[in-house]
């Protein structure tokens, strides 16, 4: 196997791993966005002033 064949195989492997990683990360981002949309962050109570503490 020549060096150019080895390099081509390596590029193919890396490209496949990159596509797989991108697909996984997009799925994670979508799941995170879905969970944030379903359970928004709680709003602080009007009387809970954290700025002017003695």
C-alpha atoms as a PDB file:
ATOM      1  CA  UNK A   1       0.000   0.000   0.000  1.00  0.00           C
ATOM      2  CA  UNK A   2       1.514   3.302  -1.057  1.00  0.00           C
ATOM      3  CA  UNK A   3       1.647   6.424   1.041  1.00  0.00           C
ATOM      4  CA  UNK A   4      -0.952   8.137  -1.143  1.00  0.00           C
ATOM      5  CA  UNK A   5      -3.351   5.195  -0.647  1.00  0.00           C
ATOM      6  CA  UNK A   6      -2.756   5.314   3.094  1.00  0.00           C
ATOM      7  CA  UNK A   7      -3.396   9.048   3.132  1.00  0.00           C
ATOM      8  CA  UNK A   8      -6.613   8.623   1.150  1.00  0.00           C
ATOM      9  CA  UNK A   9      -7.860   5.924   3.540  1.00  0.00           C
ATOM     10  CA  UNK A  10      -6.980   8.104   6.515  1.00  0.00           C
ATOM     11  CA  UNK A  11      -8.878  11.040   5.029  1.00  0.00           C
ATOM     12  CA  UNK A  12     -11.915   8.830   4.453  1.00  0.00           C
ATOM     13  CA  UNK A  13     -11.816   7.590   8.055  1.00  0.00           C
ATOM     14  CA  UNK A  14     -11.456  11.114   9.408  1.00  0.00           C
ATOM     15  CA  UNK A  15     -14.280  12.401   7.220  1.00  0.00           C
ATOM     16  CA  UNK A  16     -16.566   9.608   8.436  1.00  0.00           C
ATOM     17  CA  UNK A  17     -15.689  10.341  12.076  1.00  0.00           C
ATOM     18  CA  UNK A  18     -16.283  14.047  11.515  1.00  0.00           C
ATOM     19  CA  UNK A  19     -19.734  13.412  10.018  1.00  0.00           C
ATOM     20  CA  UNK A  20     -20.576  11.083  12.906  1.00  0.00           C
ATOM     21  CA  UNK A  21     -19.422  13.650  15.477  1.00  0.00           C
ATOM     22  CA  UNK A  22     -21.389  16.437  13.794  1.00  0.00           C
ATOM     23  CA  UNK A  23     -24.545  14.324  13.729  1.00  0.00           C
ATOM     24  CA  UNK A  24     -24.127  13.482  17.433  1.00  0.00           C
ATOM     25  CA  UNK A  25     -23.525  17.103  18.429  1.00  0.00           C
ATOM     26  CA  UNK A  26     -26.515  18.324  16.427  1.00  0.00           C
ATOM     27  CA  UNK A  27     -28.665  15.742  18.215  1.00  0.00           C
ATOM     28  CA  UNK A  28     -27.368  16.917  21.590  1.00  0.00           C
ATOM     29  CA  UNK A  29     -28.044  20.560  20.741  1.00  0.00           C
ATOM     30  CA  UNK A  30     -31.558  19.715  19.582  1.00  0.00           C
ATOM     31  CA  UNK A  31     -32.269  17.756  22.770  1.00  0.00           C
ATOM     32  CA  UNK A  32     -30.935  20.613  24.898  1.00  0.00           C
ATOM     33  CA  UNK A  33     -33.079  23.157  23.021  1.00  0.00           C
ATOM     34  CA  UNK A  34     -36.156  20.928  23.389  1.00  0.00           C
ATOM     35  CA  UNK A  35     -35.632  20.527  27.134  1.00  0.00           C
ATOM     36  CA  UNK A  36     -35.157  24.278  27.605  1.00  0.00           C
ATOM     37  CA  UNK A  37     -38.337  24.974  25.677  1.00  0.00           C
ATOM     38  CA  UNK A  38     -40.310  22.492  27.827  1.00  0.00           C
ATOM     39  CA  UNK A  39     -38.918  23.643  31.195  1.00  0.00           C
ATOM     40  CA  UNK A  40     -37.992  27.340  31.085  1.00  0.00           C
ATOM     41  CA  UNK A  41     -35.828  28.795  33.819  1.00  0.00           C
ATOM     42  CA  UNK A  42     -37.797  29.825  36.905  1.00  0.00           C
ATOM     43  CA  UNK A  43     -38.308  33.564  37.330  1.00  0.00           C
ATOM     44  CA  UNK A  44     -37.133  35.092  40.628  1.00  0.00           C
ATOM     45  CA  UNK A  45     -39.818  36.194  43.045  1.00  0.00           C
ATOM     46  CA  UNK A  46     -40.552  39.944  43.044  1.00  0.00           C
ATOM     47  CA  UNK A  47     -39.524  40.306  46.700  1.00  0.00           C
ATOM     48  CA  UNK A  48     -36.206  38.497  46.274  1.00  0.00           C
ATOM     49  CA  UNK A  49     -33.908  41.470  45.774  1.00  0.00           C
ATOM     50  CA  UNK A  50     -30.313  40.278  45.587  1.00  0.00           C
ATOM     51  CA  UNK A  51     -28.741  43.637  44.681  1.00  0.00           C
ATOM     52  CA  UNK A  52     -29.446  45.743  47.800  1.00  0.00           C
ATOM     53  CA  UNK A  53     -28.491  43.383  50.597  1.00  0.00           C
ATOM     54  CA  UNK A  54     -27.183  45.024  53.797  1.00  0.00           C
END
